[in-house]
Amino acid sequence: MDSKQSNLITIPIDGRMIAKAEKISLQHRSTEKSRQSYLNTLAVLAVDFYCKCIDIETDIPKSSGLNNILNSLLDTAGLFIKHKGLLECLPVLPKQDECYIPPEVKEGCIGYMGVEINEVERKATILGFIKSVHSQRLLLTSLQPLEDFLFYLHKLQQPSSINVKLDIENTIVQLSKWFDGLFDLGWQSELAVAKSIAPINTINVTKRTEITGAKIIKMTNLSEPVLLILHQLQVEDEVEIVLRVYPASESIFLIDGIKMTLLDIDNHPIPRLENVSKSSNWLQLRFKGNVGDKFGLKLSLDTEAVVEQFVI
């Protein structure tokens, strides 16, 4: 980017940063995803270095861009700013004038930081900041000066854990499309599911069609996100659904009190299909339905809840 700004911050890319980026990028089978993960990691490390220089506290364990499981599932470059939230770091190469915003990073993000990665000169330049985007393409000329970022961060308050957050998707996830390889609304195919996830045992049948999807769920009350797995198995006219929730970090156990509740077509809870974490590695709900049936899943902790809606 040929920027006209004179107050850009340049960060040296050292061997430690490169080694970290290479290690995380090796999780991806695809050359394209491995390359993007490499640039994402360098961008996060550069912004983390910048924040430390100006006494802004970051939290690396909560940063999705440096989390092995989240990075293997999503195109994410999030740096967690303490008491504020997740800042998405957008890497661009020299002479690029725009960058791509992955749809999954638009949820729960406090803003976006543009970072130019110059691999030849081993430097990263912090280009500017923007607090919200309205499309998947961001012109770098839209970025605001870093002074605006500091002012915005100073005013930004940590979201209150008292308020109830109910996030119901406007578009229902159409599970039948998964069999055609069509995933959306933040869901990923089974090929993206981390290898550490325990296999889901299905009933023994001679004729079956099955597929698994995964999605990262972020909640304000949770110190770290969770991984939601949905496995569907078609057996003649019925579809068996298995829903599981795992920690989406290096943690072994889920935070106590996380509850998963199945909802009917009117979003009313089904009491017998409810599970609460208590020293749990994962939670599970299993049921059967028919093609065309609608249902919801509510993940909640204390007063906060996130709802995903589906149609079989």
C-alpha atoms as a PDB file:
ATOM      1  CA  MET A   1       0.000   0.000   0.000  1.00  0.00           C
ATOM      2  CA  ASP A   2       1.342   3.390  -0.967  1.00  0.00           C
ATOM      3  CA  SER A   3       0.037   5.210   2.079  1.00  0.00           C
ATOM      4  CA  LYS A   4       0.164   8.981   2.373  1.00  0.00           C
ATOM      5  CA  GLN A   5       0.007   8.813   6.149  1.00  0.00           C
ATOM      6  CA  SER A   6       3.164   9.857   7.951  1.00  0.00           C
ATOM      7  CA  ASN A   7       2.353   8.431  11.364  1.00  0.00           C
ATOM      8  CA  LEU A   8       2.413   4.738  10.476  1.00  0.00           C
ATOM      9  CA  ILE A   9       4.080   2.350  12.914  1.00  0.00           C
ATOM     10  CA  THR A  10       6.606  -0.183  11.592  1.00  0.00           C
ATOM     11  CA  ILE A  11       7.336  -3.358  13.560  1.00  0.00           C
ATOM     12  CA  PRO A  12      10.350  -5.588  12.812  1.00  0.00           C
ATOM     13  CA  ILE A  13       9.450  -9.206  12.043  1.00  0.00           C
ATOM     14  CA  ASP A  14      11.988 -11.283  13.950  1.00  0.00           C
ATOM     15  CA  GLY A  15      12.836 -14.971  13.865  1.00  0.00           C
ATOM     16  CA  ARG A  16      10.550 -15.749  16.808  1.00  0.00           C
ATOM     17  CA  MET A  17       7.545 -14.327  14.971  1.00  0.00           C
ATOM     18  CA  ILE A  18       8.374 -16.244  11.806  1.00  0.00           C
ATOM     19  CA  ALA A  19       8.822 -19.512  13.710  1.00  0.00           C
ATOM     20  CA  LYS A  20       5.459 -19.040  15.451  1.00  0.00           C
ATOM     21  CA  ALA A  21       3.701 -18.249  12.166  1.00  0.00           C
ATOM     22  CA  GLU A  22       5.253 -21.260  10.429  1.00  0.00           C
ATOM     23  CA  LYS A  23       4.228 -23.582  13.270  1.00  0.00           C
ATOM     24  CA  ILE A  24       0.583 -22.473  13.196  1.00  0.00           C
ATOM     25  CA  SER A  25       0.409 -22.530   9.391  1.00  0.00           C
ATOM     26  CA  LEU A  26       1.433 -26.202   9.320  1.00  0.00           C
ATOM     27  CA  GLN A  27      -1.987 -27.155  10.731  1.00  0.00           C
ATOM     28  CA  HIS A  28      -3.590 -26.585   7.338  1.00  0.00           C
ATOM     29  CA  ARG A  29      -3.565 -29.121   4.517  1.00  0.00           C
ATOM     30  CA  SER A  30      -4.427 -26.530   1.893  1.00  0.00           C
ATOM     31  CA  THR A  31      -1.504 -24.436   0.635  1.00  0.00           C
ATOM     32  CA  GLU A  32      -3.800 -21.418   0.361  1.00  0.00           C
ATOM     33  CA  LYS A  33      -5.087 -21.733   3.941  1.00  0.00           C
ATOM     34  CA  SER A  34      -1.569 -22.370   5.242  1.00  0.00           C
ATOM     35  CA  ARG A  35      -0.352 -19.197   3.551  1.00  0.00           C
ATOM     36  CA  GLN A  36      -3.247 -17.120   4.929  1.00  0.00           C
ATOM     37  CA  SER A  37      -2.697 -18.523   8.423  1.00  0.00           C
ATOM     38  CA  TYR A  38       0.984 -17.568   8.201  1.00  0.00           C
ATOM     39  CA  LEU A  39       0.163 -13.955   7.307  1.00  0.00           C
ATOM     40  CA  ASN A  40      -2.626 -13.802   9.918  1.00  0.00           C
ATOM     41  CA  THR A  41      -0.227 -14.875  12.662  1.00  0.00           C
ATOM     42  CA  LEU A  42       2.404 -12.316  11.674  1.00  0.00           C
ATOM     43  CA  ALA A  43      -0.268  -9.588  11.699  1.00  0.00           C
ATOM     44  CA  VAL A  44      -1.456 -10.572  15.196  1.00  0.00           C
ATOM     45  CA  LEU A  45       2.092 -10.698  16.570  1.00  0.00           C
ATOM     46  CA  ALA A  46       2.898  -7.296  15.059  1.00  0.00           C
ATOM     47  CA  VAL A  47      -0.178  -5.645  16.580  1.00  0.00           C
ATOM     48  CA  ASP A  48       0.537  -7.360  19.907  1.00  0.00           C
ATOM     49  CA  PHE A  49       4.059  -5.868  19.827  1.00  0.00           C
ATOM     50  CA  TYR A  50       2.601  -2.433  19.058  1.00  0.00           C
ATOM     51  CA  CYS A  51       0.095  -2.693  21.915  1.00  0.00           C
ATOM     52  CA  LYS A  52       2.796  -3.660  24.392  1.00  0.00           C
ATOM     53  CA  CYS A  53       4.869  -0.647  23.325  1.00  0.00           C
ATOM     54  CA  ILE A  54       2.020   1.726  24.237  1.00  0.00           C
ATOM     55  CA  ASP A  55       1.010  -0.132  27.432  1.00  0.00           C
ATOM     56  CA  ILE A  56      -2.180  -1.719  26.086  1.00  0.00           C
ATOM     57  CA  GLU A  57      -2.642  -5.086  27.780  1.00  0.00           C
ATOM     58  CA  THR A  58      -3.351  -8.081  25.563  1.00  0.00           C
ATOM     59  CA  ASP A  59      -4.311 -11.651  26.399  1.00  0.00           C
ATOM     60  CA  ILE A  60      -2.637 -14.159  24.076  1.00  0.00           C
ATOM     61  CA  PRO A  61      -4.530 -17.297  25.325  1.00  0.00           C
ATOM     62  CA  LYS A  62      -7.830 -15.604  24.386  1.00  0.00           C
ATOM     63  CA  SER A  63      -6.532 -14.444  20.997  1.00  0.00           C
ATOM     64  CA  SER A  64      -8.190 -16.492  18.248  1.00  0.00           C
ATOM     65  CA  GLY A  65      -5.400 -15.751  15.779  1.00  0.00           C
ATOM     66  CA  LEU A  66      -2.866 -17.553  17.988  1.00  0.00           C
ATOM     67  CA  ASN A  67      -5.181 -20.346  19.173  1.00  0.00           C
ATOM     68  CA  ASN A  68      -4.302 -23.660  17.523  1.00  0.00           C
ATOM     69  CA  ILE A  69      -7.859 -25.036  17.420  1.00  0.00           C
ATOM     70  CA  LEU A  70      -9.565 -21.818  16.330  1.00  0.00           C
ATOM     71  CA  ASN A  71      -6.901 -21.165  13.731  1.00  0.00           C
ATOM     72  CA  SER A  72      -7.346 -24.642  12.269  1.00  0.00           C
ATOM     73  CA  LEU A  73     -11.102 -24.079  11.928  1.00  0.00           C
ATOM     74  CA  LEU A  74     -11.435 -20.439  10.920  1.00  0.00           C
ATOM     75  CA  ASP A  75      -9.732 -17.732   8.891  1.00  0.00           C
ATOM     76  CA  THR A  76      -9.139 -15.597  11.958  1.00  0.00           C
ATOM     77  CA  ALA A  77      -6.473 -13.161  13.134  1.00  0.00           C
ATOM     78  CA  GLY A  78      -7.929 -11.943  16.407  1.00  0.00           C
ATOM     79  CA  LEU A  79      -5.905 -10.323  19.192  1.00  0.00           C
ATOM     80  CA  PHE A  80      -7.710 -10.074  22.534  1.00  0.00           C
ATOM     81  CA  ILE A  81      -7.376  -6.679  24.224  1.00  0.00           C
ATOM     82  CA  LYS A  82      -7.849  -7.038  27.989  1.00  0.00           C
ATOM     83  CA  HIS A  83     -11.136  -5.655  29.331  1.00  0.00           C
ATOM     84  CA  LYS A  84     -12.140  -4.598  25.791  1.00  0.00           C
ATOM     85  CA  GLY A  85     -12.562  -7.525  23.407  1.00  0.00           C
ATOM     86  CA  LEU A  86     -11.228  -9.111  20.237  1.00  0.00           C
ATOM     87  CA  LEU A  87      -9.403  -6.897  17.719  1.00  0.00           C
ATOM     88  CA  GLU A  88      -9.156  -8.439  14.237  1.00  0.00           C
ATOM     89  CA  CYS A  89      -5.783  -7.921  12.544  1.00  0.00           C
ATOM     90  CA  LEU A  90      -6.066  -7.835   8.740  1.00  0.00           C
ATOM     91  CA  PRO A  91      -2.844  -8.682   6.868  1.00  0.00           C
ATOM     92  CA  VAL A  92      -2.192  -7.185   3.427  1.00  0.00           C
ATOM     93  CA  LEU A  93       0.798  -7.383   1.131  1.00  0.00           C
ATOM     94  CA  PRO A  94       2.695  -4.368  -0.272  1.00  0.00           C
ATOM     95  CA  LYS A  95       0.850  -2.569  -3.110  1.00  0.00           C
ATOM     96  CA  GLN A  96      -2.506  -4.084  -2.172  1.00  0.00           C
ATOM     97  CA  ASP A  97      -5.236  -1.474  -1.804  1.00  0.00           C
ATOM     98  CA  GLU A  98      -7.904  -3.596  -0.132  1.00  0.00           C
ATOM     99  CA  CYS A  99      -8.299  -6.623   2.113  1.00  0.00           C
ATOM    100  CA  TYR A 100     -10.825  -9.428   2.540  1.00  0.00           C
ATOM    101  CA  ILE A 101     -12.975  -9.697   5.687  1.00  0.00           C
ATOM    102  CA  PRO A 102     -13.902 -13.338   6.454  1.00  0.00           C
ATOM    103  CA  PRO A 103     -17.620 -13.536   7.407  1.00  0.00           C
ATOM    104  CA  GLU A 104     -16.909 -15.454  10.618  1.00  0.00           C
ATOM    105  CA  VAL A 105     -14.838 -12.638  12.169  1.00  0.00           C
ATOM    106  CA  LYS A 106     -17.666 -10.075  12.078  1.00  0.00           C
ATOM    107  CA  GLU A 107     -19.236 -11.480  15.270  1.00  0.00           C
ATOM    108  CA  GLY A 108     -18.000 -10.215  18.629  1.00  0.00           C
ATOM    109  CA  CYS A 109     -15.227  -8.048  17.190  1.00  0.00           C
ATOM    110  CA  ILE A 110     -14.426  -4.592  18.614  1.00  0.00           C
ATOM    111  CA  GLY A 111     -12.681  -3.436  15.446  1.00  0.00           C
ATOM    112  CA  TYR A 112     -10.177  -4.105  12.676  1.00  0.00           C
ATOM    113  CA  MET A 113      -6.507  -3.178  12.300  1.00  0.00           C
ATOM    114  CA  GLY A 114      -4.826  -3.158   8.887  1.00  0.00           C
ATOM    115  CA  VAL A 115      -1.295  -4.573   8.834  1.00  0.00           C
ATOM    116  CA  GLU A 116       1.005  -4.575   5.811  1.00  0.00           C
ATOM    117  CA  ILE A 117       3.365  -7.566   5.828  1.00  0.00           C
ATOM    118  CA  ASN A 118       6.632  -7.010   3.938  1.00  0.00           C
ATOM    119  CA  GLU A 119       8.360 -10.389   3.924  1.00  0.00           C
ATOM    120  CA  VAL A 120      11.374  -9.241   1.901  1.00  0.00           C
ATOM    121  CA  GLU A 121      12.271  -6.473   4.357  1.00  0.00           C
ATOM    122  CA  ARG A 122      10.936  -8.451   7.356  1.00  0.00           C
ATOM    123  CA  LYS A 123       8.726  -5.691   8.668  1.00  0.00           C
ATOM    124  CA  ALA A 124       5.061  -5.144   9.454  1.00  0.00           C
ATOM    125  CA  THR A 125       3.461  -1.719   9.144  1.00  0.00           C
ATOM    126  CA  ILE A 126       0.368  -0.853  11.183  1.00  0.00           C
ATOM    127  CA  LEU A 127      -1.749   0.995   8.608  1.00  0.00           C
ATOM    128  CA  GLY A 128      -4.750   2.113  10.638  1.00  0.00           C
ATOM    129  CA  PHE A 129      -7.973   1.118  12.293  1.00  0.00           C
ATOM    130  CA  ILE A 130     -11.704   0.901  11.625  1.00  0.00           C
ATOM    131  CA  LYS A 131     -14.321  -0.115  14.191  1.00  0.00           C
ATOM    132  CA  SER A 132     -16.880  -1.683  11.835  1.00  0.00           C
ATOM    133  CA  VAL A 133     -17.235  -2.965   8.283  1.00  0.00           C
ATOM    134  CA  HIS A 134     -20.269  -3.412   6.066  1.00  0.00           C
ATOM    135  CA  SER A 135     -18.931  -5.734   3.378  1.00  0.00           C
ATOM    136  CA  GLN A 136     -16.318  -8.442   2.899  1.00  0.00           C
ATOM    137  CA  ARG A 137     -13.982  -6.030   1.102  1.00  0.00           C
ATOM    138  CA  LEU A 138     -12.281  -3.183   2.930  1.00  0.00           C
ATOM    139  CA  LEU A 139     -10.470  -0.420   1.074  1.00  0.00           C
ATOM    140  CA  LEU A 140      -7.315   0.486   2.966  1.00  0.00           C
ATOM    141  CA  THR A 141      -8.053   4.151   2.352  1.00  0.00           C
ATOM    142  CA  SER A 142     -11.027   3.674   4.741  1.00  0.00           C
ATOM    143  CA  LEU A 143      -8.711   3.018   7.684  1.00  0.00           C
ATOM    144  CA  GLN A 144      -8.535   5.704  10.343  1.00  0.00           C
ATOM    145  CA  PRO A 145      -5.291   6.956  11.957  1.00  0.00           C
ATOM    146  CA  LEU A 146      -3.941   5.107  14.980  1.00  0.00           C
ATOM    147  CA  GLU A 147      -4.737   8.119  17.165  1.00  0.00           C
ATOM    148  CA  ASP A 148      -8.414   7.377  16.522  1.00  0.00           C
ATOM    149  CA  PHE A 149      -7.861   3.790  17.663  1.00  0.00           C
ATOM    150  CA  LEU A 150      -6.377   4.916  20.965  1.00  0.00           C
ATOM    151  CA  PHE A 151      -9.232   7.367  21.543  1.00  0.00           C
ATOM    152  CA  TYR A 152     -11.826   4.710  20.654  1.00  0.00           C
ATOM    153  CA  LEU A 153     -10.185   2.120  22.908  1.00  0.00           C
ATOM    154  CA  HIS A 154     -10.119   4.574  25.812  1.00  0.00           C
ATOM    155  CA  LYS A 155     -13.859   5.182  25.492  1.00  0.00           C
ATOM    156  CA  LEU A 156     -14.763   1.554  24.893  1.00  0.00           C
ATOM    157  CA  GLN A 157     -16.226  -0.125  27.947  1.00  0.00           C
ATOM    158  CA  GLN A 158     -16.094  -3.839  28.599  1.00  0.00           C
ATOM    159  CA  PRO A 159     -19.508  -5.352  27.782  1.00  0.00           C
ATOM    160  CA  SER A 160     -21.580  -5.834  30.907  1.00  0.00           C
ATOM    161  CA  SER A 161     -22.160  -9.454  31.906  1.00  0.00           C
ATOM    162  CA  ILE A 162     -25.478  -8.457  33.461  1.00  0.00           C
ATOM    163  CA  ASN A 163     -27.254  -7.847  30.179  1.00  0.00           C
ATOM    164  CA  VAL A 164     -28.913 -10.720  28.405  1.00  0.00           C
ATOM    165  CA  LYS A 165     -27.635 -11.332  24.894  1.00  0.00           C
ATOM    166  CA  LEU A 166     -29.946 -13.393  22.715  1.00  0.00           C
ATOM    167  CA  ASP A 167     -28.500 -13.823  19.227  1.00  0.00           C
ATOM    168  CA  ILE A 168     -31.019 -15.540  16.930  1.00  0.00           C
ATOM    169  CA  GLU A 169     -29.914 -15.984  13.318  1.00  0.00           C
ATOM    170  CA  ASN A 170     -32.175 -14.289  10.800  1.00  0.00           C
ATOM    171  CA  THR A 171     -31.411 -17.087   8.365  1.00  0.00           C
ATOM    172  CA  ILE A 172     -32.024 -20.656   9.479  1.00  0.00           C
ATOM    173  CA  VAL A 173     -29.178 -23.108   8.876  1.00  0.00           C
ATOM    174  CA  GLN A 174     -30.410 -25.525   6.200  1.00  0.00           C
ATOM    175  CA  LEU A 175     -28.817 -28.823   7.165  1.00  0.00           C
ATOM    176  CA  SER A 176     -29.745 -30.588   3.913  1.00  0.00           C
ATOM    177  CA  LYS A 177     -27.382 -28.264   2.006  1.00  0.00           C
ATOM    178  CA  TRP A 178     -24.418 -29.650   3.920  1.00  0.00           C
ATOM    179  CA  PHE A 179     -24.629 -32.841   1.892  1.00  0.00           C
ATOM    180  CA  ASP A 180     -23.979 -30.713  -1.200  1.00  0.00           C
ATOM    181  CA  GLY A 181     -20.942 -29.132   0.453  1.00  0.00           C
ATOM    182  CA  LEU A 182     -22.746 -25.829   1.096  1.00  0.00           C
ATOM    183  CA  PHE A 183     -21.894 -24.368   4.506  1.00  0.00           C
ATOM    184  CA  ASP A 184     -22.640 -20.808   5.648  1.00  0.00           C
ATOM    185  CA  LEU A 185     -23.277 -18.605   8.691  1.00  0.00           C
ATOM    186  CA  GLY A 186     -19.902 -19.453  10.175  1.00  0.00           C
ATOM    187  CA  TRP A 187     -20.244 -23.235   9.868  1.00  0.00           C
ATOM    188  CA  GLN A 188     -17.318 -25.276   8.548  1.00  0.00           C
ATOM    189  CA  SER A 189     -17.231 -28.704   6.902  1.00  0.00           C
ATOM    190  CA  GLU A 190     -16.112 -31.838   8.733  1.00  0.00           C
ATOM    191  CA  LEU A 191     -12.699 -31.526   7.061  1.00  0.00           C
ATOM    192  CA  ALA A 192     -12.081 -28.467   9.245  1.00  0.00           C
ATOM    193  CA  VAL A 193     -12.917 -30.201  12.529  1.00  0.00           C
ATOM    194  CA  ALA A 194      -9.895 -30.493  14.808  1.00  0.00           C
ATOM    195  CA  LYS A 195      -8.334 -33.966  14.973  1.00  0.00           C
ATOM    196  CA  SER A 196      -8.494 -33.889  18.781  1.00  0.00           C
ATOM    197  CA  ILE A 197     -12.301 -33.987  18.781  1.00  0.00           C
ATOM    198  CA  ALA A 198     -13.651 -37.380  19.894  1.00  0.00           C
ATOM    199  CA  PRO A 199     -15.516 -39.304  17.167  1.00  0.00           C
ATOM    200  CA  ILE A 200     -19.314 -39.370  17.362  1.00  0.00           C
ATOM    201  CA  ASN A 201     -20.610 -42.946  17.475  1.00  0.00           C
ATOM    202  CA  THR A 202     -23.608 -43.456  15.213  1.00  0.00           C
ATOM    203  CA  ILE A 203     -26.085 -46.304  15.041  1.00  0.00           C
ATOM    204  CA  ASN A 204     -25.097 -49.323  12.948  1.00  0.00           C
ATOM    205  CA  VAL A 205     -26.933 -49.210   9.612  1.00  0.00           C
ATOM    206  CA  THR A 206     -26.294 -50.622   6.165  1.00  0.00           C
ATOM    207  CA  LYS A 207     -27.456 -47.575   4.207  1.00  0.00           C
ATOM    208  CA  ARG A 208     -26.642 -44.158   5.598  1.00  0.00           C
ATOM    209  CA  THR A 209     -25.530 -40.679   4.654  1.00  0.00           C
ATOM    210  CA  GLU A 210     -23.796 -38.580   7.291  1.00  0.00           C
ATOM    211  CA  ILE A 211     -21.916 -35.318   7.582  1.00  0.00           C
ATOM    212  CA  THR A 212     -20.458 -33.163  10.347  1.00  0.00           C
ATOM    213  CA  GLY A 213     -20.180 -29.385  10.668  1.00  0.00           C
ATOM    214  CA  ALA A 214     -18.448 -27.145  13.209  1.00  0.00           C
ATOM    215  CA  LYS A 215     -18.829 -23.548  14.355  1.00  0.00           C
ATOM    216  CA  ILE A 216     -17.072 -21.345  16.916  1.00  0.00           C
ATOM    217  CA  ILE A 217     -19.457 -19.690  19.402  1.00  0.00           C
ATOM    218  CA  LYS A 218     -18.366 -16.544  21.265  1.00  0.00           C
ATOM    219  CA  MET A 219     -20.112 -15.205  24.356  1.00  0.00           C
ATOM    220  CA  THR A 220     -19.277 -12.196  26.498  1.00  0.00           C
ATOM    221  CA  ASN A 221     -19.548 -14.150  29.754  1.00  0.00           C
ATOM    222  CA  LEU A 222     -17.126 -16.807  28.521  1.00  0.00           C
ATOM    223  CA  SER A 223     -13.413 -16.131  28.902  1.00  0.00           C
ATOM    224  CA  GLU A 224     -12.871 -18.295  25.828  1.00  0.00           C
ATOM    225  CA  PRO A 225     -15.125 -19.440  22.966  1.00  0.00           C
ATOM    226  CA  VAL A 226     -16.582 -22.912  22.559  1.00  0.00           C
ATOM    227  CA  LEU A 227     -16.737 -25.238  19.580  1.00  0.00           C
ATOM    228  CA  LEU A 228     -20.186 -26.428  18.488  1.00  0.00           C
ATOM    229  CA  ILE A 229     -20.294 -29.671  16.499  1.00  0.00           C
ATOM    230  CA  LEU A 230     -23.421 -30.864  14.653  1.00  0.00           C
ATOM    231  CA  HIS A 231     -23.450 -34.374  13.189  1.00  0.00           C
ATOM    232  CA  GLN A 232     -26.375 -35.525  11.078  1.00  0.00           C
ATOM    233  CA  LEU A 233     -27.062 -39.076   9.956  1.00  0.00           C
ATOM    234  CA  GLN A 234     -29.761 -39.882   7.399  1.00  0.00           C
ATOM    235  CA  VAL A 235     -31.467 -43.274   7.858  1.00  0.00           C
ATOM    236  CA  GLU A 236     -34.331 -43.690   5.372  1.00  0.00           C
ATOM    237  CA  ASP A 237     -36.961 -41.062   6.331  1.00  0.00           C
ATOM    238  CA  GLU A 238     -35.390 -40.100   9.661  1.00  0.00           C
ATOM    239  CA  VAL A 239     -32.383 -37.933  10.463  1.00  0.00           C
ATOM    240  CA  GLU A 240     -30.410 -38.474  13.651  1.00  0.00           C
ATOM    241  CA  ILE A 241     -28.891 -35.252  15.028  1.00  0.00           C
ATOM    242  CA  VAL A 242     -26.005 -35.198  17.506  1.00  0.00           C
ATOM    243  CA  LEU A 243     -24.998 -31.822  18.965  1.00  0.00           C
ATOM    244  CA  ARG A 244     -21.807 -31.439  20.979  1.00  0.00           C
ATOM    245  CA  VAL A 245     -20.026 -28.533  22.646  1.00  0.00           C
ATOM    246  CA  TYR A 246     -16.258 -28.608  23.297  1.00  0.00           C
ATOM    247  CA  PRO A 247     -13.711 -26.126  24.647  1.00  0.00           C
ATOM    248  CA  ALA A 248     -12.319 -24.179  21.664  1.00  0.00           C
ATOM    249  CA  SER A 249      -8.912 -23.688  23.232  1.00  0.00           C
ATOM    250  CA  GLU A 250      -6.167 -25.666  24.887  1.00  0.00           C
ATOM    251  CA  SER A 251      -8.406 -26.158  27.958  1.00  0.00           C
ATOM    252  CA  ILE A 252      -9.472 -29.714  28.829  1.00  0.00           C
ATOM    253  CA  PHE A 253     -12.772 -28.814  30.510  1.00  0.00           C
ATOM    254  CA  LEU A 254     -15.678 -26.558  29.658  1.00  0.00           C
ATOM    255  CA  ILE A 255     -16.462 -23.753  32.075  1.00  0.00           C
ATOM    256  CA  ASP A 256     -18.951 -24.996  34.680  1.00  0.00           C
ATOM    257  CA  GLY A 257     -22.491 -23.779  34.107  1.00  0.00           C
ATOM    258  CA  ILE A 258     -22.564 -23.746  30.310  1.00  0.00           C
ATOM    259  CA  LYS A 259     -25.975 -25.070  29.328  1.00  0.00           C
ATOM    260  CA  MET A 260     -27.199 -26.399  26.010  1.00  0.00           C
ATOM    261  CA  THR A 261     -30.973 -26.591  25.505  1.00  0.00           C
ATOM    262  CA  LEU A 262     -32.918 -27.844  22.515  1.00  0.00           C
ATOM    263  CA  LEU A 263     -35.739 -25.532  21.370  1.00  0.00           C
ATOM    264  CA  ASP A 264     -38.909 -26.408  19.470  1.00  0.00           C
ATOM    265  CA  ILE A 265     -40.232 -24.593  16.398  1.00  0.00           C
ATOM    266  CA  ASP A 266     -41.556 -21.752  18.627  1.00  0.00           C
ATOM    267  CA  ASN A 267     -38.245 -21.416  20.497  1.00  0.00           C
ATOM    268  CA  HIS A 268     -39.672 -23.049  23.609  1.00  0.00           C
ATOM    269  CA  PRO A 269     -37.225 -25.228  25.572  1.00  0.00           C
ATOM    270  CA  ILE A 270     -37.594 -29.007  25.559  1.00  0.00           C
ATOM    271  CA  PRO A 271     -36.721 -29.899  29.194  1.00  0.00           C
ATOM    272  CA  ARG A 272     -35.667 -33.485  28.569  1.00  0.00           C
ATOM    273  CA  LEU A 273     -33.184 -32.299  25.957  1.00  0.00           C
ATOM    274  CA  GLU A 274     -30.970 -30.124  28.138  1.00  0.00           C
ATOM    275  CA  ASN A 275     -27.453 -30.555  29.472  1.00  0.00           C
ATOM    276  CA  VAL A 276     -25.266 -28.479  31.827  1.00  0.00           C
ATOM    277  CA  SER A 277     -21.487 -28.597  32.129  1.00  0.00           C
ATOM    278  CA  LYS A 278     -19.904 -29.573  35.438  1.00  0.00           C
ATOM    279  CA  SER A 279     -16.282 -30.696  35.171  1.00  0.00           C
ATOM    280  CA  SER A 280     -17.190 -31.750  31.641  1.00  0.00           C
ATOM    281  CA  ASN A 281     -14.883 -32.312  28.671  1.00  0.00           C
ATOM    282  CA  TRP A 282     -17.877 -31.896  26.370  1.00  0.00           C
ATOM    283  CA  LEU A 283     -21.683 -31.767  26.343  1.00  0.00           C
ATOM    284  CA  GLN A 284     -24.023 -33.658  24.049  1.00  0.00           C
ATOM    285  CA  LEU A 285     -27.652 -33.744  22.945  1.00  0.00           C
ATOM    286  CA  ARG A 286     -28.977 -36.477  20.629  1.00  0.00           C
ATOM    287  CA  PHE A 287     -32.395 -36.757  18.973  1.00  0.00           C
ATOM    288  CA  LYS A 288     -34.145 -37.801  15.746  1.00  0.00           C
ATOM    289  CA  GLY A 289     -36.297 -35.784  13.353  1.00  0.00           C
ATOM    290  CA  ASN A 290     -37.702 -35.729   9.854  1.00  0.00           C
ATOM    291  CA  VAL A 291     -36.794 -33.714   6.780  1.00  0.00           C
ATOM    292  CA  GLY A 292     -38.423 -30.287   7.104  1.00  0.00           C
ATOM    293  CA  ASP A 293     -38.437 -30.242  10.914  1.00  0.00           C
ATOM    294  CA  LYS A 294     -37.242 -26.996  12.508  1.00  0.00           C
ATOM    295  CA  PHE A 295     -35.423 -26.730  15.832  1.00  0.00           C
ATOM    296  CA  GLY A 296     -33.086 -24.457  17.734  1.00  0.00           C
ATOM    297  CA  LEU A 297     -30.148 -24.846  20.087  1.00  0.00           C
ATOM    298  CA  LYS A 298     -29.585 -22.384  22.918  1.00  0.00           C
ATOM    299  CA  LEU A 299     -26.163 -22.130  24.529  1.00  0.00           C
ATOM    300  CA  SER A 300     -26.311 -20.134  27.734  1.00  0.00           C
ATOM    301  CA  LEU A 301     -24.226 -19.111  30.723  1.00  0.00           C
ATOM    302  CA  ASP A 302     -25.767 -17.089  33.548  1.00  0.00           C
ATOM    303  CA  THR A 303     -27.899 -14.375  31.892  1.00  0.00           C
ATOM    304  CA  GLU A 304     -26.382 -14.599  28.423  1.00  0.00           C
ATOM    305  CA  ALA A 305     -27.563 -16.867  25.612  1.00  0.00           C
ATOM    306  CA  VAL A 306     -26.802 -17.537  21.961  1.00  0.00           C
ATOM    307  CA  VAL A 307     -29.362 -19.325  19.775  1.00  0.00           C
ATOM    308  CA  GLU A 308     -28.720 -21.220  16.545  1.00  0.00           C
ATOM    309  CA  GLN A 309     -31.734 -22.186  14.430  1.00  0.00           C
ATOM    310  CA  PHE A 310     -31.887 -25.107  11.999  1.00  0.00           C
ATOM    311  CA  VAL A 311     -34.138 -26.888   9.527  1.00  0.00           C
ATOM    312  CA  ILE A 312     -33.467 -30.535   8.712  1.00  0.00           C
END
